[in-house]
């Protein structure tokens, strides 16, 4: 049985042990402590993805970082979790809720090189490190003469493989470099979202807790939520769900809210990078109704409607457009 949080006791925040996970969890902990007026302590948890060094495509990327953390939350080992949203399966487990999606960091990927050579100018045989099928397909399109190398490990170890000459480049998330304070390392080429869209939810964090968590904790977490971020990532993840593809599929989706509309760019890649199917569409947010009536945790509006359901429908519609164009033929099935 779960032990209730004692009044005034620290909030226990479950996080992976990696430097990046603890850095981003630390930002959330500091912000939450200021809101709730209680200390927030990190509880490091080892996930399967941290101990199994095989390629994510081999061990199955869906939930590989999240499952153990969620088990700890349900068992009462911690009170909240902080995830990289792109690592979460699209199906939300019963009894758990994503209670906050803080303002998203830079969603772009960056190419890291020793000398600043642009990715498309790297010579034949250049070795580019990345283990993500989506990034592999994009590299093969941008730098077809290069070789992709499947890599795992933390950000520092990946950067060191470039600095040492073992690799000519690595592809990393801009948000991770920023959260680690590694903005000035080596040479960086920001890859624009128009031609290089990234994974659903990239750059965004998800703060998860139990649906029956104490009201004061849920209220404090709601203050961390950013509406534009929640709307955008809900659309992106709905596209992924609509395609029935896991988070290791060679697909990308990025959405951006501007006023009462949302622009959606999504691409499904042939794994070898030779083919792609994409959309670039702008949809209305129902004249602002969703923004006026939506709540931070996706609860129903006063009239019984669920504004976030309408948002998910936008993403599902985008997925349907991709499927109509033949995207299913490019996607591996789980």
C-alpha atoms as a PDB file:
ATOM      1  CA  UNK A   1       0.000   0.000   0.000  1.00  0.00           C
ATOM      2  CA  UNK A   2       1.306   3.426  -0.906  1.00  0.00           C
ATOM      3  CA  UNK A   3       2.433   5.574   2.033  1.00  0.00           C
ATOM      4  CA  UNK A   4       0.821   9.055   1.914  1.00  0.00           C
ATOM      5  CA  UNK A   5       3.129  12.046   1.683  1.00  0.00           C
ATOM      6  CA  UNK A   6       3.564  13.447   5.177  1.00  0.00           C
ATOM      7  CA  UNK A   7       2.739  17.159   5.573  1.00  0.00           C
ATOM      8  CA  UNK A   8       5.952  19.134   5.202  1.00  0.00           C
ATOM      9  CA  UNK A   9       7.971  16.088   4.118  1.00  0.00           C
ATOM     10  CA  UNK A  10      10.189  16.402   1.036  1.00  0.00           C
ATOM     11  CA  UNK A  11       8.663  15.514  -2.303  1.00  0.00           C
ATOM     12  CA  UNK A  12      10.561  12.551  -3.742  1.00  0.00           C
ATOM     13  CA  UNK A  13      11.298  12.938  -7.451  1.00  0.00           C
ATOM     14  CA  UNK A  14      12.221   9.732  -9.266  1.00  0.00           C
ATOM     15  CA  UNK A  15      14.747  10.091 -12.071  1.00  0.00           C
ATOM     16  CA  UNK A  16      17.163   8.049 -14.110  1.00  0.00           C
ATOM     17  CA  UNK A  17      20.769   8.155 -12.880  1.00  0.00           C
ATOM     18  CA  UNK A  18      22.318   9.704 -15.982  1.00  0.00           C
ATOM     19  CA  UNK A  19      23.822  13.176 -15.729  1.00  0.00           C
ATOM     20  CA  UNK A  20      21.297  14.534 -18.229  1.00  0.00           C
ATOM     21  CA  UNK A  21      18.308  12.996 -16.448  1.00  0.00           C
ATOM     22  CA  UNK A  22      19.432  14.368 -13.098  1.00  0.00           C
ATOM     23  CA  UNK A  23      20.170  17.797 -14.568  1.00  0.00           C
ATOM     24  CA  UNK A  24      16.722  18.154 -16.096  1.00  0.00           C
ATOM     25  CA  UNK A  25      15.076  16.681 -13.002  1.00  0.00           C
ATOM     26  CA  UNK A  26      16.991  19.177 -10.886  1.00  0.00           C
ATOM     27  CA  UNK A  27      15.466  22.070 -12.844  1.00  0.00           C
ATOM     28  CA  UNK A  28      11.981  20.680 -12.203  1.00  0.00           C
ATOM     29  CA  UNK A  29      12.765  20.050  -8.532  1.00  0.00           C
ATOM     30  CA  UNK A  30      13.910  23.630  -7.990  1.00  0.00           C
ATOM     31  CA  UNK A  31      10.831  25.079  -9.703  1.00  0.00           C
ATOM     32  CA  UNK A  32       8.438  22.792  -7.829  1.00  0.00           C
ATOM     33  CA  UNK A  33      10.063  23.535  -4.463  1.00  0.00           C
ATOM     34  CA  UNK A  34       9.459  27.254  -4.972  1.00  0.00           C
ATOM     35  CA  UNK A  35       5.805  26.669  -5.801  1.00  0.00           C
ATOM     36  CA  UNK A  36       4.901  24.148  -3.116  1.00  0.00           C
ATOM     37  CA  UNK A  37       7.121  25.538  -0.368  1.00  0.00           C
ATOM     38  CA  UNK A  38       8.685  22.176   0.460  1.00  0.00           C
ATOM     39  CA  UNK A  39      12.010  20.588  -0.420  1.00  0.00           C
ATOM     40  CA  UNK A  40      12.129  18.250  -3.418  1.00  0.00           C
ATOM     41  CA  UNK A  41      14.759  15.517  -3.328  1.00  0.00           C
ATOM     42  CA  UNK A  42      15.957  13.391  -6.237  1.00  0.00           C
ATOM     43  CA  UNK A  43      15.595   9.603  -6.034  1.00  0.00           C
ATOM     44  CA  UNK A  44      17.898   8.017  -8.661  1.00  0.00           C
ATOM     45  CA  UNK A  45      16.447   4.874 -10.229  1.00  0.00           C
ATOM     46  CA  UNK A  46      18.201   2.465 -12.600  1.00  0.00           C
ATOM     47  CA  UNK A  47      16.148   1.598 -15.701  1.00  0.00           C
ATOM     48  CA  UNK A  48      16.642  -1.260 -18.168  1.00  0.00           C
ATOM     49  CA  UNK A  49      17.849   1.236 -20.730  1.00  0.00           C
ATOM     50  CA  UNK A  50      20.661   2.239 -18.351  1.00  0.00           C
ATOM     51  CA  UNK A  51      21.956  -1.293 -17.740  1.00  0.00           C
ATOM     52  CA  UNK A  52      21.406  -2.977 -21.118  1.00  0.00           C
ATOM     53  CA  UNK A  53      24.063  -1.685 -23.519  1.00  0.00           C
ATOM     54  CA  UNK A  54      22.542  -3.285 -26.616  1.00  0.00           C
ATOM     55  CA  UNK A  55      21.158  -1.072 -29.347  1.00  0.00           C
ATOM     56  CA  UNK A  56      17.793   0.438 -28.521  1.00  0.00           C
ATOM     57  CA  UNK A  57      16.471  -0.944 -31.790  1.00  0.00           C
ATOM     58  CA  UNK A  58      17.389  -4.439 -30.534  1.00  0.00           C
ATOM     59  CA  UNK A  59      15.984  -4.268 -27.004  1.00  0.00           C
ATOM     60  CA  UNK A  60      12.891  -2.301 -28.042  1.00  0.00           C
ATOM     61  CA  UNK A  61      12.968   1.394 -27.322  1.00  0.00           C
ATOM     62  CA  UNK A  62       9.327   1.721 -26.255  1.00  0.00           C
ATOM     63  CA  UNK A  63       9.249   2.170 -22.477  1.00  0.00           C
ATOM     64  CA  UNK A  64      12.792   0.920 -21.959  1.00  0.00           C
ATOM     65  CA  UNK A  65      13.640   3.987 -19.849  1.00  0.00           C
ATOM     66  CA  UNK A  66      10.192   4.551 -18.332  1.00  0.00           C
ATOM     67  CA  UNK A  67       8.946   1.187 -17.103  1.00  0.00           C
ATOM     68  CA  UNK A  68      11.184   0.815 -14.044  1.00  0.00           C
ATOM     69  CA  UNK A  69      10.537   4.410 -13.008  1.00  0.00           C
ATOM     70  CA  UNK A  70       6.788   3.881 -13.234  1.00  0.00           C
ATOM     71  CA  UNK A  71       7.075   0.731 -11.152  1.00  0.00           C
ATOM     72  CA  UNK A  72       8.877   2.742  -8.478  1.00  0.00           C
ATOM     73  CA  UNK A  73       6.152   5.407  -8.511  1.00  0.00           C
ATOM     74  CA  UNK A  74       3.354   2.865  -8.099  1.00  0.00           C
ATOM     75  CA  UNK A  75       5.311   1.073  -5.346  1.00  0.00           C
ATOM     76  CA  UNK A  76       5.652   4.296  -3.369  1.00  0.00           C
ATOM     77  CA  UNK A  77       9.412   4.679  -3.797  1.00  0.00           C
ATOM     78  CA  UNK A  78       8.863   8.228  -5.085  1.00  0.00           C
ATOM     79  CA  UNK A  79       6.038  10.760  -5.452  1.00  0.00           C
ATOM     80  CA  UNK A  80       6.636  12.114  -8.973  1.00  0.00           C
ATOM     81  CA  UNK A  81       8.733  11.254 -12.016  1.00  0.00           C
ATOM     82  CA  UNK A  82      10.458  13.376 -14.636  1.00  0.00           C
ATOM     83  CA  UNK A  83      10.818  11.816 -18.086  1.00  0.00           C
ATOM     84  CA  UNK A  84      12.173  12.970 -21.408  1.00  0.00           C
ATOM     85  CA  UNK A  85       8.815  12.978 -23.154  1.00  0.00           C
ATOM     86  CA  UNK A  86      10.195  11.497 -26.378  1.00  0.00           C
ATOM     87  CA  UNK A  87      11.063   8.312 -24.435  1.00  0.00           C
ATOM     88  CA  UNK A  88       7.498   7.676 -23.231  1.00  0.00           C
ATOM     89  CA  UNK A  89       5.128   5.225 -24.928  1.00  0.00           C
ATOM     90  CA  UNK A  90       2.019   6.969 -26.251  1.00  0.00           C
ATOM     91  CA  UNK A  91      -0.390   4.816 -24.176  1.00  0.00           C
ATOM     92  CA  UNK A  92      -0.814   6.249 -20.682  1.00  0.00           C
ATOM     93  CA  UNK A  93      -0.983   3.592 -17.925  1.00  0.00           C
ATOM     94  CA  UNK A  94      -4.089   3.469 -15.737  1.00  0.00           C
ATOM     95  CA  UNK A  95      -3.616   5.283 -12.452  1.00  0.00           C
ATOM     96  CA  UNK A  96      -0.853   7.581 -13.736  1.00  0.00           C
ATOM     97  CA  UNK A  97      -1.132  11.066 -15.196  1.00  0.00           C
ATOM     98  CA  UNK A  98       1.270  13.432 -16.929  1.00  0.00           C
ATOM     99  CA  UNK A  99       0.541  16.316 -14.590  1.00  0.00           C
ATOM    100  CA  UNK A 100       2.850  18.865 -16.204  1.00  0.00           C
ATOM    101  CA  UNK A 101       4.713  19.528 -19.428  1.00  0.00           C
ATOM    102  CA  UNK A 102       7.011  22.501 -18.682  1.00  0.00           C
ATOM    103  CA  UNK A 103       8.014  24.937 -21.416  1.00  0.00           C
ATOM    104  CA  UNK A 104       9.794  23.017 -24.133  1.00  0.00           C
ATOM    105  CA  UNK A 105      13.482  23.608 -24.762  1.00  0.00           C
ATOM    106  CA  UNK A 106      15.000  23.763 -28.253  1.00  0.00           C
ATOM    107  CA  UNK A 107      13.491  20.819 -30.166  1.00  0.00           C
ATOM    108  CA  UNK A 108      16.224  20.698 -32.831  1.00  0.00           C
ATOM    109  CA  UNK A 109      18.970  18.160 -33.360  1.00  0.00           C
ATOM    110  CA  UNK A 110      22.567  19.306 -33.692  1.00  0.00           C
ATOM    111  CA  UNK A 111      25.493  17.756 -35.548  1.00  0.00           C
ATOM    112  CA  UNK A 112      28.708  17.883 -33.523  1.00  0.00           C
ATOM    113  CA  UNK A 113      32.011  17.837 -35.445  1.00  0.00           C
ATOM    114  CA  UNK A 114      35.638  18.567 -34.580  1.00  0.00           C
ATOM    115  CA  UNK A 115      36.257  21.220 -37.222  1.00  0.00           C
ATOM    116  CA  UNK A 116      32.840  22.653 -38.095  1.00  0.00           C
ATOM    117  CA  UNK A 117      32.426  20.830 -41.424  1.00  0.00           C
ATOM    118  CA  UNK A 118      28.695  20.860 -42.280  1.00  0.00           C
ATOM    119  CA  UNK A 119      27.071  17.452 -42.229  1.00  0.00           C
ATOM    120  CA  UNK A 120      26.417  17.402 -45.973  1.00  0.00           C
ATOM    121  CA  UNK A 121      30.076  18.204 -46.720  1.00  0.00           C
ATOM    122  CA  UNK A 122      31.621  15.372 -44.705  1.00  0.00           C
ATOM    123  CA  UNK A 123      33.794  13.203 -46.971  1.00  0.00           C
ATOM    124  CA  UNK A 124      32.986   9.713 -48.169  1.00  0.00           C
ATOM    125  CA  UNK A 125      33.441   7.187 -45.382  1.00  0.00           C
ATOM    126  CA  UNK A 126      32.990   9.729 -42.583  1.00  0.00           C
ATOM    127  CA  UNK A 127      31.673   8.031 -39.424  1.00  0.00           C
ATOM    128  CA  UNK A 128      28.588   9.633 -37.881  1.00  0.00           C
ATOM    129  CA  UNK A 129      27.372   8.325 -34.548  1.00  0.00           C
ATOM    130  CA  UNK A 130      23.667   7.864 -33.807  1.00  0.00           C
ATOM    131  CA  UNK A 131      21.523   4.922 -32.778  1.00  0.00           C
ATOM    132  CA  UNK A 132      18.093   6.367 -33.595  1.00  0.00           C
ATOM    133  CA  UNK A 133      16.462   4.965 -36.767  1.00  0.00           C
ATOM    134  CA  UNK A 134      14.941   8.373 -37.539  1.00  0.00           C
ATOM    135  CA  UNK A 135      18.318  10.113 -37.323  1.00  0.00           C
ATOM    136  CA  UNK A 136      20.007   7.334 -39.294  1.00  0.00           C
ATOM    137  CA  UNK A 137      17.541   7.813 -42.146  1.00  0.00           C
ATOM    138  CA  UNK A 138      18.010  11.584 -42.027  1.00  0.00           C
ATOM    139  CA  UNK A 139      21.812  11.277 -42.045  1.00  0.00           C
ATOM    140  CA  UNK A 140      21.613   8.972 -45.054  1.00  0.00           C
ATOM    141  CA  UNK A 141      19.629  11.625 -46.890  1.00  0.00           C
ATOM    142  CA  UNK A 142      21.820  14.560 -45.823  1.00  0.00           C
ATOM    143  CA  UNK A 143      25.206  12.819 -46.050  1.00  0.00           C
ATOM    144  CA  UNK A 144      24.741   9.749 -48.290  1.00  0.00           C
ATOM    145  CA  UNK A 145      28.498   9.108 -48.609  1.00  0.00           C
ATOM    146  CA  UNK A 146      28.930   8.854 -44.834  1.00  0.00           C
ATOM    147  CA  UNK A 147      28.682   5.796 -42.617  1.00  0.00           C
ATOM    148  CA  UNK A 148      26.371   5.712 -39.592  1.00  0.00           C
ATOM    149  CA  UNK A 149      27.653   4.099 -36.405  1.00  0.00           C
ATOM    150  CA  UNK A 150      25.199   2.778 -33.800  1.00  0.00           C
ATOM    151  CA  UNK A 151      26.220   4.270 -30.458  1.00  0.00           C
ATOM    152  CA  UNK A 152      24.930   4.347 -26.878  1.00  0.00           C
ATOM    153  CA  UNK A 153      26.225   6.165 -23.828  1.00  0.00           C
ATOM    154  CA  UNK A 154      25.939   9.533 -22.145  1.00  0.00           C
ATOM    155  CA  UNK A 155      26.508  12.877 -23.816  1.00  0.00           C
ATOM    156  CA  UNK A 156      30.081  13.234 -22.547  1.00  0.00           C
ATOM    157  CA  UNK A 157      31.134   9.838 -23.885  1.00  0.00           C
ATOM    158  CA  UNK A 158      29.629  10.619 -27.292  1.00  0.00           C
ATOM    159  CA  UNK A 159      31.395  13.953 -27.477  1.00  0.00           C
ATOM    160  CA  UNK A 160      34.672  12.329 -26.502  1.00  0.00           C
ATOM    161  CA  UNK A 161      34.399   9.885 -29.404  1.00  0.00           C
ATOM    162  CA  UNK A 162      34.338  12.885 -31.752  1.00  0.00           C
ATOM    163  CA  UNK A 163      37.116  14.754 -29.959  1.00  0.00           C
ATOM    164  CA  UNK A 164      39.340  11.635 -30.034  1.00  0.00           C
ATOM    165  CA  UNK A 165      38.830  11.103 -33.762  1.00  0.00           C
ATOM    166  CA  UNK A 166      36.969   7.788 -33.379  1.00  0.00           C
ATOM    167  CA  UNK A 167      33.936   9.437 -34.974  1.00  0.00           C
ATOM    168  CA  UNK A 168      33.715  12.359 -37.365  1.00  0.00           C
ATOM    169  CA  UNK A 169      30.378  13.557 -36.012  1.00  0.00           C
ATOM    170  CA  UNK A 170      27.537  12.704 -33.656  1.00  0.00           C
ATOM    171  CA  UNK A 171      23.892  13.768 -33.734  1.00  0.00           C
ATOM    172  CA  UNK A 172      22.521  14.988 -30.398  1.00  0.00           C
ATOM    173  CA  UNK A 173      19.495  16.839 -29.111  1.00  0.00           C
ATOM    174  CA  UNK A 174      20.047  20.565 -28.616  1.00  0.00           C
ATOM    175  CA  UNK A 175      17.927  20.493 -25.450  1.00  0.00           C
ATOM    176  CA  UNK A 176      20.172  17.927 -23.788  1.00  0.00           C
ATOM    177  CA  UNK A 177      23.299  19.963 -24.454  1.00  0.00           C
ATOM    178  CA  UNK A 178      21.615  23.059 -23.070  1.00  0.00           C
ATOM    179  CA  UNK A 179      20.394  21.344 -19.895  1.00  0.00           C
ATOM    180  CA  UNK A 180      23.886  19.993 -19.268  1.00  0.00           C
ATOM    181  CA  UNK A 181      25.454  23.400 -19.854  1.00  0.00           C
ATOM    182  CA  UNK A 182      27.447  21.977 -22.770  1.00  0.00           C
ATOM    183  CA  UNK A 183      26.467  24.626 -25.291  1.00  0.00           C
ATOM    184  CA  UNK A 184      30.024  25.577 -26.239  1.00  0.00           C
ATOM    185  CA  UNK A 185      31.539  22.140 -26.845  1.00  0.00           C
ATOM    186  CA  UNK A 186      33.262  21.422 -30.170  1.00  0.00           C
ATOM    187  CA  UNK A 187      31.526  22.673 -33.339  1.00  0.00           C
ATOM    188  CA  UNK A 188      27.750  22.556 -33.607  1.00  0.00           C
ATOM    189  CA  UNK A 189      25.507  22.681 -36.646  1.00  0.00           C
ATOM    190  CA  UNK A 190      21.880  23.270 -35.750  1.00  0.00           C
ATOM    191  CA  UNK A 191      19.644  21.215 -38.021  1.00  0.00           C
ATOM    192  CA  UNK A 192      16.534  23.199 -38.904  1.00  0.00           C
ATOM    193  CA  UNK A 193      13.150  21.696 -38.113  1.00  0.00           C
ATOM    194  CA  UNK A 194      11.783  22.435 -41.594  1.00  0.00           C
ATOM    195  CA  UNK A 195      14.172  20.007 -43.272  1.00  0.00           C
ATOM    196  CA  UNK A 196      15.146  17.925 -40.227  1.00  0.00           C
ATOM    197  CA  UNK A 197      12.082  17.482 -37.969  1.00  0.00           C
ATOM    198  CA  UNK A 198      12.721  15.622 -34.747  1.00  0.00           C
ATOM    199  CA  UNK A 199      11.076  12.968 -32.578  1.00  0.00           C
ATOM    200  CA  UNK A 200       7.608  13.530 -31.111  1.00  0.00           C
ATOM    201  CA  UNK A 201       8.066  15.323 -27.801  1.00  0.00           C
ATOM    202  CA  UNK A 202      11.764  16.083 -28.307  1.00  0.00           C
ATOM    203  CA  UNK A 203      12.942  18.914 -26.063  1.00  0.00           C
ATOM    204  CA  UNK A 204       9.983  18.490 -23.725  1.00  0.00           C
ATOM    205  CA  UNK A 205       9.801  17.000 -20.242  1.00  0.00           C
ATOM    206  CA  UNK A 206       6.894  15.101 -18.716  1.00  0.00           C
ATOM    207  CA  UNK A 207       6.206  15.253 -14.974  1.00  0.00           C
ATOM    208  CA  UNK A 208       4.207  12.189 -14.023  1.00  0.00           C
ATOM    209  CA  UNK A 209       2.442  11.200 -10.817  1.00  0.00           C
ATOM    210  CA  UNK A 210      -0.508   9.134  -9.585  1.00  0.00           C
ATOM    211  CA  UNK A 211      -3.995  10.237 -10.569  1.00  0.00           C
ATOM    212  CA  UNK A 212      -4.913  10.172  -6.870  1.00  0.00           C
ATOM    213  CA  UNK A 213      -1.865  12.149  -5.726  1.00  0.00           C
ATOM    214  CA  UNK A 214      -2.529  14.779  -3.029  1.00  0.00           C
ATOM    215  CA  UNK A 215      -4.467  17.780  -4.296  1.00  0.00           C
ATOM    216  CA  UNK A 216      -1.777  20.253  -3.248  1.00  0.00           C
ATOM    217  CA  UNK A 217       0.848  18.355  -5.239  1.00  0.00           C
ATOM    218  CA  UNK A 218      -1.354  18.177  -8.343  1.00  0.00           C
ATOM    219  CA  UNK A 219      -2.096  21.903  -8.038  1.00  0.00           C
ATOM    220  CA  UNK A 220       1.604  22.738  -7.720  1.00  0.00           C
ATOM    221  CA  UNK A 221       2.479  20.595 -10.726  1.00  0.00           C
ATOM    222  CA  UNK A 222      -0.253  22.280 -12.764  1.00  0.00           C
ATOM    223  CA  UNK A 223       1.612  25.557 -12.269  1.00  0.00           C
ATOM    224  CA  UNK A 224       4.618  24.036 -14.046  1.00  0.00           C
ATOM    225  CA  UNK A 225       2.516  23.169 -17.095  1.00  0.00           C
ATOM    226  CA  UNK A 226       2.869  25.178 -20.292  1.00  0.00           C
ATOM    227  CA  UNK A 227      -0.270  25.086 -22.428  1.00  0.00           C
ATOM    228  CA  UNK A 228       1.404  25.620 -25.797  1.00  0.00           C
ATOM    229  CA  UNK A 229       3.889  22.845 -25.075  1.00  0.00           C
ATOM    230  CA  UNK A 230       1.155  20.432 -23.980  1.00  0.00           C
ATOM    231  CA  UNK A 231      -0.921  21.128 -27.084  1.00  0.00           C
ATOM    232  CA  UNK A 232       2.047  20.703 -29.433  1.00  0.00           C
ATOM    233  CA  UNK A 233       3.383  17.484 -27.913  1.00  0.00           C
ATOM    234  CA  UNK A 234      -0.115  16.009 -27.662  1.00  0.00           C
ATOM    235  CA  UNK A 235      -0.474  16.454 -31.428  1.00  0.00           C
ATOM    236  CA  UNK A 236       2.979  14.984 -32.078  1.00  0.00           C
ATOM    237  CA  UNK A 237       2.360  11.936 -29.909  1.00  0.00           C
ATOM    238  CA  UNK A 238      -1.076  11.411 -31.450  1.00  0.00           C
ATOM    239  CA  UNK A 239       0.591  11.217 -34.861  1.00  0.00           C
ATOM    240  CA  UNK A 240       2.950   8.538 -33.524  1.00  0.00           C
ATOM    241  CA  UNK A 241       0.016   6.645 -32.011  1.00  0.00           C
ATOM    242  CA  UNK A 242      -2.037   6.987 -35.187  1.00  0.00           C
ATOM    243  CA  UNK A 243       0.771   5.476 -37.232  1.00  0.00           C
ATOM    244  CA  UNK A 244       0.915   2.580 -34.746  1.00  0.00           C
ATOM    245  CA  UNK A 245       4.664   2.938 -34.682  1.00  0.00           C
ATOM    246  CA  UNK A 246       6.945   2.806 -31.650  1.00  0.00           C
ATOM    247  CA  UNK A 247       9.239   5.564 -30.483  1.00  0.00           C
ATOM    248  CA  UNK A 248      12.131   3.908 -32.371  1.00  0.00           C
ATOM    249  CA  UNK A 249      10.348   4.186 -35.737  1.00  0.00           C
ATOM    250  CA  UNK A 250      12.027   6.243 -38.485  1.00  0.00           C
ATOM    251  CA  UNK A 251       9.519   9.070 -38.226  1.00  0.00           C
ATOM    252  CA  UNK A 252       9.500  12.657 -37.069  1.00  0.00           C
ATOM    253  CA  UNK A 253       6.793  15.041 -35.906  1.00  0.00           C
ATOM    254  CA  UNK A 254       7.058  18.617 -34.735  1.00  0.00           C
ATOM    255  CA  UNK A 255       4.179  20.968 -33.996  1.00  0.00           C
ATOM    256  CA  UNK A 256       4.246  24.644 -33.070  1.00  0.00           C
ATOM    257  CA  UNK A 257       1.390  26.698 -31.665  1.00  0.00           C
ATOM    258  CA  UNK A 258       0.989  30.274 -32.890  1.00  0.00           C
ATOM    259  CA  UNK A 259      -2.052  32.121 -31.623  1.00  0.00           C
ATOM    260  CA  UNK A 260      -5.125  30.028 -32.370  1.00  0.00           C
ATOM    261  CA  UNK A 261      -3.465  27.733 -34.915  1.00  0.00           C
ATOM    262  CA  UNK A 262      -0.911  24.966 -34.922  1.00  0.00           C
ATOM    263  CA  UNK A 263       1.602  24.114 -37.648  1.00  0.00           C
ATOM    264  CA  UNK A 264       2.465  20.437 -37.997  1.00  0.00           C
ATOM    265  CA  UNK A 265       5.446  18.983 -39.817  1.00  0.00           C
ATOM    266  CA  UNK A 266       5.690  15.197 -39.886  1.00  0.00           C
ATOM    267  CA  UNK A 267       7.774  12.830 -41.983  1.00  0.00           C
ATOM    268  CA  UNK A 268       8.013   9.046 -42.239  1.00  0.00           C
ATOM    269  CA  UNK A 269      11.337   7.843 -43.644  1.00  0.00           C
ATOM    270  CA  UNK A 270      12.349   4.732 -45.507  1.00  0.00           C
ATOM    271  CA  UNK A 271      15.051   3.302 -43.187  1.00  0.00           C
ATOM    272  CA  UNK A 272      17.768   3.539 -45.843  1.00  0.00           C
ATOM    273  CA  UNK A 273      16.917   7.204 -46.320  1.00  0.00           C
ATOM    274  CA  UNK A 274      16.018   6.825 -49.984  1.00  0.00           C
ATOM    275  CA  UNK A 275      12.337   7.625 -49.587  1.00  0.00           C
ATOM    276  CA  UNK A 276      10.135   9.781 -47.401  1.00  0.00           C
ATOM    277  CA  UNK A 277       6.501  10.747 -47.011  1.00  0.00           C
ATOM    278  CA  UNK A 278       5.717  13.999 -45.272  1.00  0.00           C
ATOM    279  CA  UNK A 279       3.119  16.651 -44.521  1.00  0.00           C
ATOM    280  CA  UNK A 280       3.346  20.325 -43.577  1.00  0.00           C
ATOM    281  CA  UNK A 281      -0.079  21.612 -42.540  1.00  0.00           C
ATOM    282  CA  UNK A 282      -1.565  24.326 -40.360  1.00  0.00           C
ATOM    283  CA  UNK A 283      -4.736  23.593 -38.392  1.00  0.00           C
ATOM    284  CA  UNK A 284      -7.082  25.831 -36.414  1.00  0.00           C
ATOM    285  CA  UNK A 285      -7.439  25.383 -32.672  1.00  0.00           C
ATOM    286  CA  UNK A 286     -11.181  25.931 -33.038  1.00  0.00           C
ATOM    287  CA  UNK A 287     -10.971  29.692 -32.785  1.00  0.00           C
ATOM    288  CA  UNK A 288      -9.186  29.486 -29.439  1.00  0.00           C
ATOM    289  CA  UNK A 289     -11.840  27.301 -27.775  1.00  0.00           C
ATOM    290  CA  UNK A 290      -9.316  24.642 -26.859  1.00  0.00           C
ATOM    291  CA  UNK A 291      -6.945  27.179 -25.349  1.00  0.00           C
ATOM    292  CA  UNK A 292      -9.701  28.882 -23.355  1.00  0.00           C
ATOM    293  CA  UNK A 293     -11.239  25.664 -22.031  1.00  0.00           C
ATOM    294  CA  UNK A 294      -8.330  23.295 -21.757  1.00  0.00           C
ATOM    295  CA  UNK A 295      -6.684  22.615 -18.410  1.00  0.00           C
ATOM    296  CA  UNK A 296      -3.072  21.811 -17.735  1.00  0.00           C
ATOM    297  CA  UNK A 297      -3.683  18.119 -17.112  1.00  0.00           C
ATOM    298  CA  UNK A 298      -6.192  17.587 -19.895  1.00  0.00           C
ATOM    299  CA  UNK A 299      -9.257  17.475 -17.655  1.00  0.00           C
ATOM    300  CA  UNK A 300     -12.681  18.044 -19.137  1.00  0.00           C
ATOM    301  CA  UNK A 301     -14.064  21.497 -19.711  1.00  0.00           C
ATOM    302  CA  UNK A 302     -17.052  22.735 -17.732  1.00  0.00           C
ATOM    303  CA  UNK A 303     -19.514  21.715 -20.477  1.00  0.00           C
ATOM    304  CA  UNK A 304     -18.276  18.125 -20.380  1.00  0.00           C
ATOM    305  CA  UNK A 305     -16.150  18.334 -23.525  1.00  0.00           C
ATOM    306  CA  UNK A 306     -12.515  17.297 -23.444  1.00  0.00           C
ATOM    307  CA  UNK A 307     -10.446  19.928 -25.270  1.00  0.00           C
ATOM    308  CA  UNK A 308      -7.387  17.676 -25.315  1.00  0.00           C
ATOM    309  CA  UNK A 309      -9.431  15.062 -27.172  1.00  0.00           C
ATOM    310  CA  UNK A 310      -9.848  17.620 -29.949  1.00  0.00           C
ATOM    311  CA  UNK A 311      -6.089  18.144 -29.930  1.00  0.00           C
ATOM    312  CA  UNK A 312      -5.447  14.408 -30.174  1.00  0.00           C
ATOM    313  CA  UNK A 313      -7.897  14.256 -33.066  1.00  0.00           C
ATOM    314  CA  UNK A 314      -5.772  16.831 -34.941  1.00  0.00           C
ATOM    315  CA  UNK A 315      -2.765  14.554 -34.562  1.00  0.00           C
ATOM    316  CA  UNK A 316      -4.703  11.456 -35.543  1.00  0.00           C
ATOM    317  CA  UNK A 317      -5.946  13.278 -38.661  1.00  0.00           C
ATOM    318  CA  UNK A 318      -2.341  14.110 -39.579  1.00  0.00           C
ATOM    319  CA  UNK A 319      -1.395  10.455 -39.137  1.00  0.00           C
ATOM    320  CA  UNK A 320      -4.286   9.456 -41.405  1.00  0.00           C
ATOM    321  CA  UNK A 321      -2.969  11.790 -44.117  1.00  0.00           C
ATOM    322  CA  UNK A 322       0.442  10.140 -43.912  1.00  0.00           C
ATOM    323  CA  UNK A 323      -1.099   6.679 -44.112  1.00  0.00           C
ATOM    324  CA  UNK A 324      -3.174   7.699 -47.114  1.00  0.00           C
ATOM    325  CA  UNK A 325       0.087   8.590 -48.864  1.00  0.00           C
ATOM    326  CA  UNK A 326       1.559   5.153 -48.116  1.00  0.00           C
ATOM    327  CA  UNK A 327       3.495   5.750 -44.896  1.00  0.00           C
ATOM    328  CA  UNK A 328       2.634   2.278 -43.570  1.00  0.00           C
ATOM    329  CA  UNK A 329       4.817   0.750 -46.269  1.00  0.00           C
ATOM    330  CA  UNK A 330       7.874   2.518 -44.828  1.00  0.00           C
ATOM    331  CA  UNK A 331       7.301   1.728 -41.147  1.00  0.00           C
ATOM    332  CA  UNK A 332       8.466  -1.400 -39.309  1.00  0.00           C
ATOM    333  CA  UNK A 333       5.665  -2.942 -37.284  1.00  0.00           C
ATOM    334  CA  UNK A 334       6.121  -3.632 -33.577  1.00  0.00           C
END
